[in-house]
Amino acid sequence: MKKKMKKKAAAKASRPKNPRAAGARKVASSQFKRFQDVLEAKRDVILKMVTHNEKDHLSGDVGDEADVASQTFERELLFEMEDSERIILDDIEAALRKIEKGDFGLCESCRKSISVQRLKAMPWARYCIACQSRSETSA
C-alpha cells in the first residue's frame, strides 16, 4: 500500500503544476529558429527604416510657406510611424527574449499557447486571439 502511495506521489510530483502550460507548447522546437530568423530580419528592417527616416528628416530643406507646411506634416506623420515601429520593435525584442527563455508562443495573459497561424502572421504577438480581443474591447 505504501509503495502505491509513493508511486502516486512521485508521479504527481513529476507532473507539471500547470498542465495547460506544459501542453501549450504547440510551436515545435524546429520552428523556434525559423521564428527567431524572421524576428531578427524584421528588427533589422525596422532599424534601417527608422535610421533612414531620421537622416531624411535632418536633411530637410526649407522653402516657402507651403514647403514648410508640407515638411511639418510629413514630419508629424513620420513621428507617428516611428512610434508604431518602436512599439513593434519592443515586441520583437520581447519575443526574442522569450525564445531564449523558452517561453515563446505562450500568451502573456492566460499562459495558453498562441496559435502557430497567428505567430506566422505576427511572430511578435504577445497575446492569443481571445486575450487580444478582450483587451481591445475593454479599452
C-alpha atoms as a PDB file:
ATOM      1  CA  MET A   1       0.000   0.000   0.000  1.00  0.00           C
ATOM      2  CA  LYS A   2       2.809   2.394   0.900  1.00  0.00           C
ATOM      3  CA  LYS A   3       4.571   1.612  -2.373  1.00  0.00           C
ATOM      4  CA  LYS A   4       1.451   2.588  -4.352  1.00  0.00           C
ATOM      5  CA  MET A   5       1.153   5.845  -2.424  1.00  0.00           C
ATOM      6  CA  LYS A   6       4.817   6.622  -3.011  1.00  0.00           C
ATOM      7  CA  LYS A   7       4.443   5.895  -6.746  1.00  0.00           C
ATOM      8  CA  LYS A   8       1.375   8.143  -6.954  1.00  0.00           C
ATOM      9  CA  ALA A   9       3.153  10.887  -5.062  1.00  0.00           C
ATOM     10  CA  ALA A  10       6.210  10.569  -7.310  1.00  0.00           C
ATOM     11  CA  ALA A  11       4.052  10.643 -10.443  1.00  0.00           C
ATOM     12  CA  LYS A  12       2.154  13.646  -9.143  1.00  0.00           C
ATOM     13  CA  ALA A  13       5.384  15.478  -8.275  1.00  0.00           C
ATOM     14  CA  SER A  14       6.825  14.830 -11.742  1.00  0.00           C
ATOM     15  CA  ARG A  15       3.733  16.298 -13.431  1.00  0.00           C
ATOM     16  CA  PRO A  16       3.886  19.986 -14.276  1.00  0.00           C
ATOM     17  CA  LYS A  17       1.878  22.231 -11.955  1.00  0.00           C
ATOM     18  CA  ASN A  18       0.088  23.896 -14.843  1.00  0.00           C
ATOM     19  CA  PRO A  19      -0.915  21.190 -17.337  1.00  0.00           C
ATOM     20  CA  ARG A  20      -2.065  23.789 -19.890  1.00  0.00           C
ATOM     21  CA  ALA A  21       1.376  25.401 -19.903  1.00  0.00           C
ATOM     22  CA  ALA A  22       3.099  22.047 -20.377  1.00  0.00           C
ATOM     23  CA  GLY A  23       0.884  21.027 -23.295  1.00  0.00           C
ATOM     24  CA  ALA A  24       0.689  24.550 -24.624  1.00  0.00           C
ATOM     25  CA  ARG A  25       3.952  24.430 -26.499  1.00  0.00           C
ATOM     26  CA  LYS A  26       2.462  23.754 -29.901  1.00  0.00           C
ATOM     27  CA  VAL A  27       5.353  25.558 -31.541  1.00  0.00           C
ATOM     28  CA  ALA A  28       7.786  22.827 -32.495  1.00  0.00           C
ATOM     29  CA  SER A  29      11.356  23.349 -31.376  1.00  0.00           C
ATOM     30  CA  SER A  30      12.429  23.236 -35.036  1.00  0.00           C
ATOM     31  CA  GLN A  31      10.218  26.277 -35.679  1.00  0.00           C
ATOM     32  CA  PHE A  32      11.887  28.367 -32.954  1.00  0.00           C
ATOM     33  CA  LYS A  33      14.930  29.005 -35.149  1.00  0.00           C
ATOM     34  CA  ARG A  34      12.738  29.969 -38.093  1.00  0.00           C
ATOM     35  CA  PHE A  35      10.721  32.399 -35.944  1.00  0.00           C
ATOM     36  CA  GLN A  36      13.947  33.778 -34.494  1.00  0.00           C
ATOM     37  CA  ASP A  37      15.317  34.388 -38.007  1.00  0.00           C
ATOM     38  CA  VAL A  38      12.084  36.138 -39.063  1.00  0.00           C
ATOM     39  CA  LEU A  39      12.084  38.307 -35.926  1.00  0.00           C
ATOM     40  CA  GLU A  40      15.729  39.304 -36.347  1.00  0.00           C
ATOM     41  CA  ALA A  41      15.188  40.154 -40.023  1.00  0.00           C
ATOM     42  CA  LYS A  42      12.116  42.277 -39.205  1.00  0.00           C
ATOM     43  CA  ARG A  43      14.075  44.028 -36.436  1.00  0.00           C
ATOM     44  CA  ASP A  44      16.854  44.869 -38.892  1.00  0.00           C
ATOM     45  CA  VAL A  45      14.373  46.229 -41.452  1.00  0.00           C
ATOM     46  CA  ILE A  46      12.708  48.466 -38.853  1.00  0.00           C
ATOM     47  CA  LEU A  47      16.027  49.761 -37.522  1.00  0.00           C
ATOM     48  CA  LYS A  48      17.249  50.589 -41.050  1.00  0.00           C
ATOM     49  CA  MET A  49      13.968  52.292 -41.901  1.00  0.00           C
ATOM     50  CA  VAL A  50      13.946  54.403 -38.740  1.00  0.00           C
ATOM     51  CA  THR A  51      17.581  55.494 -39.143  1.00  0.00           C
ATOM     52  CA  HIS A  52      16.990  56.261 -42.833  1.00  0.00           C
ATOM     53  CA  ASN A  53      13.890  58.329 -41.987  1.00  0.00           C
ATOM     54  CA  GLU A  54      15.789  60.215 -39.290  1.00  0.00           C
ATOM     55  CA  LYS A  55      18.556  61.071 -41.780  1.00  0.00           C
ATOM     56  CA  ASP A  56      15.949  62.341 -44.264  1.00  0.00           C
ATOM     57  CA  HIS A  57      14.310  64.380 -41.528  1.00  0.00           C
ATOM     58  CA  LEU A  58      17.586  66.072 -40.566  1.00  0.00           C
ATOM     59  CA  SER A  59      18.488  66.950 -44.155  1.00  0.00           C
ATOM     60  CA  GLY A  60      15.162  68.695 -44.907  1.00  0.00           C
ATOM     61  CA  ASP A  61      15.401  71.858 -46.991  1.00  0.00           C
ATOM     62  CA  VAL A  62      13.479  74.963 -46.022  1.00  0.00           C
ATOM     63  CA  GLY A  63      11.450  76.717 -48.715  1.00  0.00           C
ATOM     64  CA  ASP A  64       8.382  78.885 -48.884  1.00  0.00           C
ATOM     65  CA  GLU A  65       5.408  78.603 -46.504  1.00  0.00           C
ATOM     66  CA  ALA A  66       3.784  75.782 -48.479  1.00  0.00           C
ATOM     67  CA  ASP A  67       7.019  73.768 -48.393  1.00  0.00           C
ATOM     68  CA  VAL A  68       7.416  74.346 -44.652  1.00  0.00           C
ATOM     69  CA  ALA A  69       3.803  73.285 -44.021  1.00  0.00           C
ATOM     70  CA  SER A  70       4.267  70.174 -46.141  1.00  0.00           C
ATOM     71  CA  GLN A  71       7.528  69.300 -44.358  1.00  0.00           C
ATOM     72  CA  THR A  72       5.876  69.805 -40.953  1.00  0.00           C
ATOM     73  CA  PHE A  73       3.027  67.485 -41.920  1.00  0.00           C
ATOM     74  CA  GLU A  74       5.470  64.870 -43.227  1.00  0.00           C
ATOM     75  CA  ARG A  75       7.497  65.151 -40.015  1.00  0.00           C
ATOM     76  CA  GLU A  76       4.421  64.595 -37.842  1.00  0.00           C
ATOM     77  CA  LEU A  77       3.430  61.608 -39.951  1.00  0.00           C
ATOM     78  CA  LEU A  78       6.972  60.264 -39.659  1.00  0.00           C
ATOM     79  CA  PHE A  79       6.924  60.588 -35.859  1.00  0.00           C
ATOM     80  CA  GLU A  80       3.644  58.670 -35.675  1.00  0.00           C
ATOM     81  CA  MET A  81       5.064  55.966 -37.917  1.00  0.00           C
ATOM     82  CA  GLU A  82       8.225  55.793 -35.854  1.00  0.00           C
ATOM     83  CA  ASP A  83       6.170  55.372 -32.673  1.00  0.00           C
ATOM     84  CA  SER A  84       4.319  52.380 -34.090  1.00  0.00           C
ATOM     85  CA  GLU A  85       7.585  50.971 -35.423  1.00  0.00           C
ATOM     86  CA  ARG A  86       9.166  51.381 -31.994  1.00  0.00           C
ATOM     87  CA  ILE A  87       6.259  49.525 -30.383  1.00  0.00           C
ATOM     88  CA  ILE A  88       6.708  46.671 -32.849  1.00  0.00           C
ATOM     89  CA  LEU A  89      10.458  46.777 -32.215  1.00  0.00           C
ATOM     90  CA  ASP A  90       9.841  46.440 -28.458  1.00  0.00           C
ATOM     91  CA  ASP A  91       7.511  43.495 -29.110  1.00  0.00           C
ATOM     92  CA  ILE A  92      10.124  41.871 -31.361  1.00  0.00           C
ATOM     93  CA  GLU A  93      12.794  42.242 -28.674  1.00  0.00           C
ATOM     94  CA  ALA A  94      10.402  40.702 -26.117  1.00  0.00           C
ATOM     95  CA  ALA A  95       9.703  37.772 -28.466  1.00  0.00           C
ATOM     96  CA  LEU A  96      13.436  37.176 -28.960  1.00  0.00           C
ATOM     97  CA  ARG A  97      13.918  37.133 -25.177  1.00  0.00           C
ATOM     98  CA  LYS A  98      11.048  34.640 -24.895  1.00  0.00           C
ATOM     99  CA  ILE A  99      12.759  32.366 -27.414  1.00  0.00           C
ATOM    100  CA  GLU A 100      15.913  32.456 -25.290  1.00  0.00           C
ATOM    101  CA  LYS A 101      13.934  31.660 -22.121  1.00  0.00           C
ATOM    102  CA  GLY A 102      11.778  29.001 -23.793  1.00  0.00           C
ATOM    103  CA  ASP A 103       8.502  30.898 -23.280  1.00  0.00           C
ATOM    104  CA  PHE A 104       7.936  31.784 -26.931  1.00  0.00           C
ATOM    105  CA  GLY A 105       4.422  31.089 -28.157  1.00  0.00           C
ATOM    106  CA  LEU A 106       2.702  31.448 -24.782  1.00  0.00           C
ATOM    107  CA  CYS A 107       0.139  34.178 -24.158  1.00  0.00           C
ATOM    108  CA  GLU A 108       1.331  36.678 -21.551  1.00  0.00           C
ATOM    109  CA  SER A 109      -2.171  36.889 -20.104  1.00  0.00           C
ATOM    110  CA  CYS A 110      -3.614  33.371 -19.903  1.00  0.00           C
ATOM    111  CA  ARG A 111      -0.394  31.367 -20.497  1.00  0.00           C
ATOM    112  CA  LYS A 112      -2.135  29.255 -23.172  1.00  0.00           C
ATOM    113  CA  SER A 113      -0.407  28.722 -26.466  1.00  0.00           C
ATOM    114  CA  ILE A 114      -0.705  31.275 -29.234  1.00  0.00           C
ATOM    115  CA  SER A 115      -1.746  29.580 -32.468  1.00  0.00           C
ATOM    116  CA  VAL A 116       1.022  28.874 -34.951  1.00  0.00           C
ATOM    117  CA  GLN A 117      -1.019  30.664 -37.641  1.00  0.00           C
ATOM    118  CA  ARG A 118      -1.048  33.830 -35.535  1.00  0.00           C
ATOM    119  CA  LEU A 119       2.683  33.548 -34.873  1.00  0.00           C
ATOM    120  CA  LYS A 120       3.362  33.065 -38.582  1.00  0.00           C
ATOM    121  CA  ALA A 121       1.415  36.236 -39.354  1.00  0.00           C
ATOM    122  CA  MET A 122       2.782  38.197 -36.403  1.00  0.00           C
ATOM    123  CA  PRO A 123       5.675  36.396 -34.662  1.00  0.00           C
ATOM    124  CA  TRP A 124       5.966  39.174 -32.083  1.00  0.00           C
ATOM    125  CA  ALA A 125       2.390  38.583 -30.817  1.00  0.00           C
ATOM    126  CA  ARG A 126       2.240  38.735 -27.020  1.00  0.00           C
ATOM    127  CA  TYR A 127      -1.330  37.509 -26.592  1.00  0.00           C
ATOM    128  CA  CYS A 128      -3.579  34.811 -28.002  1.00  0.00           C
ATOM    129  CA  ILE A 129      -6.538  35.927 -30.101  1.00  0.00           C
ATOM    130  CA  ALA A 130      -9.019  35.672 -27.198  1.00  0.00           C
ATOM    131  CA  CYS A 131      -6.950  37.789 -24.797  1.00  0.00           C
ATOM    132  CA  GLN A 132      -6.091  40.310 -27.511  1.00  0.00           C
ATOM    133  CA  SER A 133      -9.785  40.680 -28.385  1.00  0.00           C
ATOM    134  CA  ARG A 134     -10.730  41.130 -24.718  1.00  0.00           C
ATOM    135  CA  SER A 135      -8.095  43.825 -24.225  1.00  0.00           C
ATOM    136  CA  GLU A 136      -9.210  45.713 -27.340  1.00  0.00           C
ATOM    137  CA  THR A 137     -12.904  45.650 -26.430  1.00  0.00           C
ATOM    138  CA  SER A 138     -12.283  46.718 -22.823  1.00  0.00           C
ATOM    139  CA  ALA A 139     -10.033  49.635 -23.822  1.00  0.00           C
END
